[in-house]
N, C-alpha and C. Protein backbone atom coordinates (compact mmCIF):
# COMPACT_ATOMS: atom_id res chain seq x y z
N UNK A 1 -1.05 -3.06 15.90
CA UNK A 1 -2.30 -2.53 15.38
C UNK A 1 -2.30 -2.69 13.86
N UNK A 2 -3.36 -3.21 13.29
CA UNK A 2 -3.42 -3.31 11.84
C UNK A 2 -3.56 -1.93 11.20
N UNK A 3 -3.04 -1.80 10.01
CA UNK A 3 -3.17 -0.59 9.23
C UNK A 3 -4.32 -0.82 8.25
N UNK A 4 -5.23 0.12 8.17
CA UNK A 4 -6.34 0.00 7.23
C UNK A 4 -6.31 1.16 6.27
N UNK A 5 -6.33 0.85 4.97
CA UNK A 5 -6.34 1.86 3.92
C UNK A 5 -7.63 1.76 3.14
N UNK A 6 -8.22 2.92 2.84
CA UNK A 6 -9.27 2.98 1.83
C UNK A 6 -8.53 3.14 0.52
N UNK A 7 -8.64 2.20 -0.35
CA UNK A 7 -7.88 2.29 -1.58
C UNK A 7 -8.68 2.96 -2.68
N UNK A 8 -7.98 3.71 -3.45
CA UNK A 8 -8.45 4.19 -4.73
C UNK A 8 -9.75 4.97 -4.67
N UNK A 9 -9.78 5.98 -3.87
CA UNK A 9 -10.88 6.94 -3.91
C UNK A 9 -10.47 8.02 -4.89
N UNK A 10 -11.39 8.43 -5.73
CA UNK A 10 -11.09 9.49 -6.68
C UNK A 10 -11.27 10.83 -5.97
N UNK A 11 -10.17 11.59 -5.87
CA UNK A 11 -10.17 12.91 -5.25
C UNK A 11 -9.60 13.88 -6.27
N UNK A 12 -10.36 14.91 -6.59
CA UNK A 12 -9.95 15.88 -7.60
C UNK A 12 -9.55 15.20 -8.91
N UNK A 13 -10.28 14.16 -9.29
CA UNK A 13 -10.06 13.48 -10.55
C UNK A 13 -8.87 12.54 -10.56
N UNK A 14 -8.25 12.26 -9.40
CA UNK A 14 -7.07 11.41 -9.36
C UNK A 14 -7.26 10.31 -8.31
N UNK A 15 -6.79 9.10 -8.63
CA UNK A 15 -6.88 7.97 -7.72
C UNK A 15 -5.91 8.18 -6.56
N UNK A 16 -6.39 8.03 -5.32
CA UNK A 16 -5.55 8.21 -4.13
C UNK A 16 -5.88 7.13 -3.12
N UNK A 17 -4.97 6.90 -2.21
CA UNK A 17 -5.19 6.00 -1.07
C UNK A 17 -5.34 6.87 0.16
N UNK A 18 -6.33 6.57 0.99
CA UNK A 18 -6.57 7.33 2.21
C UNK A 18 -6.38 6.40 3.41
N UNK A 19 -5.51 6.79 4.33
CA UNK A 19 -5.33 6.01 5.54
C UNK A 19 -6.55 6.14 6.43
N UNK A 20 -7.03 5.03 6.95
CA UNK A 20 -8.21 5.03 7.79
C UNK A 20 -7.87 4.75 9.24
N UNK A 21 -6.94 3.83 9.46
CA UNK A 21 -6.58 3.47 10.83
C UNK A 21 -5.08 3.22 10.86
N UNK A 22 -4.39 3.82 11.80
CA UNK A 22 -2.95 3.62 11.93
C UNK A 22 -2.14 4.68 11.22
N UNK A 23 -2.61 5.20 10.11
CA UNK A 23 -1.93 6.26 9.37
C UNK A 23 -3.00 6.96 8.54
N UNK A 24 -3.36 8.17 8.91
CA UNK A 24 -4.52 8.85 8.34
C UNK A 24 -4.20 9.77 7.16
N UNK A 25 -3.06 9.60 6.54
CA UNK A 25 -2.64 10.49 5.46
C UNK A 25 -3.21 10.05 4.12
N UNK A 26 -3.05 10.92 3.12
CA UNK A 26 -3.34 10.59 1.73
C UNK A 26 -2.06 10.01 1.14
N UNK A 27 -2.18 8.87 0.46
CA UNK A 27 -1.03 8.15 -0.09
C UNK A 27 0.09 8.05 0.95
N UNK A 28 -0.22 7.46 2.11
CA UNK A 28 0.74 7.47 3.21
C UNK A 28 1.99 6.63 2.95
N UNK A 29 3.09 7.07 3.55
CA UNK A 29 4.29 6.24 3.62
C UNK A 29 4.06 5.29 4.78
N UNK A 30 4.08 4.00 4.49
CA UNK A 30 3.88 2.98 5.51
C UNK A 30 5.25 2.56 6.02
N UNK A 31 5.41 2.43 7.33
CA UNK A 31 6.71 2.11 7.92
C UNK A 31 6.56 0.94 8.88
N UNK A 32 7.50 0.00 8.76
CA UNK A 32 7.55 -1.13 9.67
C UNK A 32 8.99 -1.36 10.09
N UNK A 33 9.18 -1.85 11.29
CA UNK A 33 10.53 -2.25 11.68
C UNK A 33 10.81 -3.62 11.10
N UNK A 34 12.08 -3.93 10.90
CA UNK A 34 12.46 -5.24 10.39
C UNK A 34 12.62 -6.22 11.55
N UNK A 35 12.67 -7.47 11.23
CA UNK A 35 12.91 -8.49 12.24
C UNK A 35 12.12 -9.75 11.99
N UNK A 36 12.72 -10.87 12.34
CA UNK A 36 12.05 -12.15 12.11
C UNK A 36 10.81 -12.33 12.98
N UNK A 37 10.66 -11.51 14.02
CA UNK A 37 9.50 -11.59 14.91
C UNK A 37 8.47 -10.50 14.63
N UNK A 38 8.61 -9.79 13.51
CA UNK A 38 7.73 -8.68 13.19
C UNK A 38 6.70 -9.09 12.15
N UNK A 39 5.46 -8.68 12.36
CA UNK A 39 4.38 -8.91 11.41
C UNK A 39 3.68 -7.58 11.18
N UNK A 40 3.42 -7.24 9.91
CA UNK A 40 2.73 -6.01 9.54
C UNK A 40 1.45 -6.43 8.82
N UNK A 41 0.31 -6.05 9.36
CA UNK A 41 -0.97 -6.43 8.79
C UNK A 41 -1.59 -5.21 8.12
N UNK A 42 -1.88 -5.34 6.84
CA UNK A 42 -2.41 -4.24 6.04
C UNK A 42 -3.74 -4.66 5.43
N UNK A 43 -4.82 -3.97 5.80
CA UNK A 43 -6.13 -4.23 5.22
C UNK A 43 -6.46 -3.11 4.25
N UNK A 44 -6.89 -3.48 3.06
CA UNK A 44 -7.21 -2.52 2.02
C UNK A 44 -8.69 -2.65 1.68
N UNK A 45 -9.40 -1.51 1.66
CA UNK A 45 -10.83 -1.46 1.39
C UNK A 45 -11.04 -0.63 0.12
N UNK A 46 -11.75 -1.18 -0.85
CA UNK A 46 -12.04 -0.44 -2.08
C UNK A 46 -13.34 0.34 -1.90
N UNK A 47 -13.23 1.66 -1.81
CA UNK A 47 -14.42 2.51 -1.69
C UNK A 47 -14.65 3.32 -2.97
N UNK A 48 -14.14 2.81 -4.07
CA UNK A 48 -14.32 3.46 -5.36
C UNK A 48 -15.35 2.66 -6.16
N UNK A 49 -15.70 3.14 -7.33
CA UNK A 49 -16.66 2.45 -8.18
C UNK A 49 -15.99 1.49 -9.16
N UNK A 50 -14.65 1.53 -9.23
CA UNK A 50 -13.90 0.69 -10.16
C UNK A 50 -13.16 -0.43 -9.42
N UNK A 51 -12.66 -1.41 -10.18
CA UNK A 51 -11.85 -2.48 -9.63
C UNK A 51 -10.45 -1.96 -9.32
N UNK A 52 -9.83 -2.46 -8.23
CA UNK A 52 -8.48 -2.06 -7.87
C UNK A 52 -7.73 -3.24 -7.26
N UNK A 53 -6.39 -3.18 -7.32
CA UNK A 53 -5.53 -4.18 -6.70
C UNK A 53 -4.27 -3.48 -6.20
N UNK A 54 -4.06 -3.45 -4.89
CA UNK A 54 -2.86 -2.86 -4.32
C UNK A 54 -1.71 -3.85 -4.49
N UNK A 55 -0.56 -3.37 -4.98
CA UNK A 55 0.62 -4.20 -5.24
C UNK A 55 1.85 -3.53 -4.65
N UNK A 56 2.64 -4.27 -3.86
CA UNK A 56 3.88 -3.75 -3.31
C UNK A 56 5.03 -4.34 -4.10
N UNK A 57 5.66 -3.50 -4.91
CA UNK A 57 6.75 -3.92 -5.78
C UNK A 57 7.98 -4.27 -4.94
N UNK A 58 8.71 -5.28 -5.35
CA UNK A 58 9.91 -5.70 -4.63
C UNK A 58 9.61 -6.73 -3.56
N UNK A 59 8.40 -6.72 -3.04
CA UNK A 59 7.97 -7.74 -2.08
C UNK A 59 7.03 -8.75 -2.74
N UNK A 60 6.60 -8.41 -3.97
CA UNK A 60 5.68 -9.25 -4.73
C UNK A 60 4.45 -9.64 -3.92
N UNK A 61 3.89 -8.66 -3.23
CA UNK A 61 2.67 -8.86 -2.45
C UNK A 61 1.56 -8.02 -3.06
N UNK A 62 0.36 -8.56 -3.03
CA UNK A 62 -0.77 -7.81 -3.57
C UNK A 62 -2.06 -8.31 -2.96
N UNK A 63 -3.06 -7.44 -3.02
CA UNK A 63 -4.41 -7.85 -2.63
C UNK A 63 -5.01 -8.63 -3.79
N UNK A 64 -6.13 -9.22 -3.53
CA UNK A 64 -6.92 -9.78 -4.63
C UNK A 64 -7.50 -8.60 -5.41
N UNK A 65 -8.08 -8.87 -6.55
CA UNK A 65 -8.79 -7.81 -7.27
C UNK A 65 -10.01 -7.45 -6.43
N UNK A 66 -10.10 -6.17 -6.08
CA UNK A 66 -11.16 -5.70 -5.18
C UNK A 66 -12.27 -5.02 -5.97
N UNK A 67 -13.46 -5.54 -5.83
CA UNK A 67 -14.65 -4.89 -6.39
C UNK A 67 -15.07 -3.78 -5.42
N UNK A 68 -15.90 -2.86 -5.86
CA UNK A 68 -16.38 -1.82 -4.96
C UNK A 68 -16.97 -2.41 -3.67
N UNK A 69 -16.51 -1.89 -2.52
CA UNK A 69 -16.99 -2.35 -1.23
C UNK A 69 -16.24 -3.54 -0.65
N UNK A 70 -15.40 -4.20 -1.44
CA UNK A 70 -14.66 -5.35 -0.94
C UNK A 70 -13.37 -4.93 -0.25
N UNK A 71 -12.84 -5.85 0.58
CA UNK A 71 -11.57 -5.61 1.25
C UNK A 71 -10.73 -6.88 1.21
N UNK A 72 -9.44 -6.71 1.46
CA UNK A 72 -8.52 -7.83 1.53
C UNK A 72 -7.41 -7.45 2.50
N UNK A 73 -6.82 -8.43 3.14
CA UNK A 73 -5.75 -8.21 4.10
C UNK A 73 -4.48 -8.88 3.62
N UNK A 74 -3.38 -8.13 3.68
CA UNK A 74 -2.05 -8.64 3.35
C UNK A 74 -1.27 -8.73 4.66
N UNK A 75 -0.63 -9.86 4.90
CA UNK A 75 0.25 -10.01 6.05
C UNK A 75 1.68 -9.98 5.55
N UNK A 76 2.46 -9.04 6.08
CA UNK A 76 3.83 -8.83 5.62
C UNK A 76 4.78 -9.22 6.75
N UNK A 77 5.81 -9.98 6.41
CA UNK A 77 6.84 -10.36 7.36
C UNK A 77 8.11 -9.61 6.96
N UNK A 78 8.31 -8.39 7.48
CA UNK A 78 9.37 -7.49 7.02
C UNK A 78 10.75 -7.83 7.61
N UNK A 79 11.41 -8.81 7.04
CA UNK A 79 12.68 -9.26 7.57
C UNK A 79 13.86 -8.42 7.08
N UNK A 80 13.79 -7.90 5.85
CA UNK A 80 14.91 -7.18 5.25
C UNK A 80 14.58 -5.71 5.09
N UNK A 81 15.50 -4.83 5.51
CA UNK A 81 15.29 -3.38 5.39
C UNK A 81 15.24 -3.00 3.90
N UNK A 82 14.46 -1.97 3.62
CA UNK A 82 14.39 -1.48 2.25
C UNK A 82 13.23 -0.53 2.08
N UNK A 83 13.14 0.01 0.88
CA UNK A 83 12.08 0.92 0.52
C UNK A 83 11.39 0.36 -0.72
N UNK A 84 10.08 0.22 -0.65
CA UNK A 84 9.31 -0.42 -1.70
C UNK A 84 8.13 0.47 -2.08
N UNK A 85 7.88 0.60 -3.35
CA UNK A 85 6.76 1.40 -3.83
C UNK A 85 5.51 0.53 -3.88
N UNK A 86 4.35 1.15 -3.59
CA UNK A 86 3.11 0.42 -3.79
C UNK A 86 2.26 1.12 -4.83
N UNK A 87 1.55 0.31 -5.60
CA UNK A 87 0.83 0.75 -6.79
C UNK A 87 -0.58 0.19 -6.79
N UNK A 88 -1.42 0.79 -7.64
CA UNK A 88 -2.68 0.16 -8.02
C UNK A 88 -2.40 -0.54 -9.34
N UNK A 89 -2.41 -1.85 -9.30
CA UNK A 89 -2.05 -2.64 -10.48
C UNK A 89 -3.07 -2.51 -11.60
N UNK A 90 -4.28 -2.10 -11.30
CA UNK A 90 -5.33 -2.03 -12.31
C UNK A 90 -5.57 -0.63 -12.85
N UNK A 91 -4.86 0.37 -12.33
CA UNK A 91 -4.97 1.73 -12.84
C UNK A 91 -3.70 2.06 -13.61
N UNK A 92 -3.85 2.29 -14.89
CA UNK A 92 -2.71 2.54 -15.77
C UNK A 92 -2.61 4.04 -16.05
N UNK A 93 -1.41 4.58 -15.96
CA UNK A 93 -1.14 5.97 -16.28
C UNK A 93 0.03 6.01 -17.27
N UNK A 94 0.16 7.13 -17.96
CA UNK A 94 1.27 7.30 -18.89
C UNK A 94 2.30 8.24 -18.28
N UNK A 95 3.59 7.87 -18.41
CA UNK A 95 4.64 8.76 -17.93
C UNK A 95 4.92 9.83 -18.98
N UNK A 96 5.92 10.67 -18.75
CA UNK A 96 6.18 11.79 -19.67
C UNK A 96 6.68 11.34 -21.04
N UNK A 97 7.05 10.07 -21.19
CA UNK A 97 7.47 9.55 -22.51
C UNK A 97 6.31 8.86 -23.22
N UNK A 98 5.16 8.74 -22.55
CA UNK A 98 4.01 8.07 -23.13
C UNK A 98 3.93 6.59 -22.78
N UNK A 99 4.90 6.09 -22.04
CA UNK A 99 4.90 4.68 -21.63
C UNK A 99 3.85 4.47 -20.54
N UNK A 100 3.09 3.39 -20.66
CA UNK A 100 2.07 3.07 -19.68
C UNK A 100 2.68 2.34 -18.49
N UNK A 101 2.31 2.76 -17.27
CA UNK A 101 2.78 2.13 -16.04
C UNK A 101 1.62 2.05 -15.05
N UNK A 102 1.84 1.26 -14.00
CA UNK A 102 0.85 1.20 -12.93
C UNK A 102 0.86 2.52 -12.18
N UNK A 103 -0.27 2.87 -11.58
CA UNK A 103 -0.40 4.12 -10.82
C UNK A 103 0.34 3.98 -9.49
N UNK A 104 1.41 4.79 -9.32
CA UNK A 104 2.15 4.84 -8.07
C UNK A 104 1.29 5.50 -7.00
N UNK A 105 1.17 4.84 -5.85
CA UNK A 105 0.34 5.38 -4.77
C UNK A 105 1.16 5.83 -3.57
N UNK A 106 2.23 5.12 -3.25
CA UNK A 106 3.00 5.48 -2.06
C UNK A 106 4.20 4.58 -1.87
N UNK A 107 4.71 4.60 -0.64
CA UNK A 107 5.94 3.87 -0.32
C UNK A 107 5.75 3.07 0.97
N UNK A 108 6.36 1.89 0.99
CA UNK A 108 6.40 1.04 2.18
C UNK A 108 7.86 0.89 2.58
N UNK A 109 8.21 1.36 3.78
CA UNK A 109 9.60 1.31 4.24
C UNK A 109 9.73 0.30 5.37
N UNK A 110 10.78 -0.49 5.28
CA UNK A 110 11.15 -1.41 6.34
C UNK A 110 12.47 -0.92 6.91
N UNK A 111 12.48 -0.59 8.19
CA UNK A 111 13.65 0.02 8.81
C UNK A 111 14.15 -0.83 9.96
N UNK A 112 15.45 -0.75 10.19
CA UNK A 112 16.05 -1.44 11.32
C UNK A 112 15.96 -0.51 12.53
N UNK A 113 15.46 -1.09 13.63
CA UNK A 113 15.32 -0.33 14.87
C UNK A 113 16.26 -0.96 15.90
N UNK A 114 17.07 -0.13 16.53
CA UNK A 114 17.98 -0.63 17.56
C UNK A 114 17.68 0.03 18.88
N UNK A 115 18.19 -0.54 19.94
CA UNK A 115 18.00 0.05 21.25
C UNK A 115 17.02 -0.74 22.09
N UNK A 116 16.80 -0.28 23.29
CA UNK A 116 15.96 -0.98 24.24
C UNK A 116 14.49 -0.59 24.14
N UNK A 117 14.16 0.41 23.30
CA UNK A 117 12.79 0.90 23.19
C UNK A 117 11.85 -0.10 22.54
N UNK A 118 12.39 -1.10 21.84
CA UNK A 118 11.53 -2.07 21.16
C UNK A 118 11.78 -3.39 21.79
C-alpha cells in the first residue's frame, strides 16, 4: 500500500506533516522492512500556501519542489537497515545556537524482518 503524506500544513503556527493514508499521525515515523525485493512508495501532497520539498537525509531522496496543491511520489528501495531523518528542504529554522537548518519533520526507519510472517 502506498503511503500518502500531506506535507507542510501549518498547525498552531508550525509546519507539520500529516499522514493521510497508511500512517495517519502528525510527523509520522515511517517504517519499511529491508530487502532487495522491497519497494516503499511515498506520495507527498503540498496542502500549504508555500513551496515545500520533502528530503530524506542519508538516502539522498527528495520530492520535486511542490507548489500549493501539487504532489510527487518517491519510490524507495530499502535494502540497508538504518534510521534516516526527513526534512522540508525549503523551510529553514534556527537551532539553539542560531545556526540555520532544514526543518526536521520525522524519521524513516528501515528494519530487518525475520521469520515466516513475511
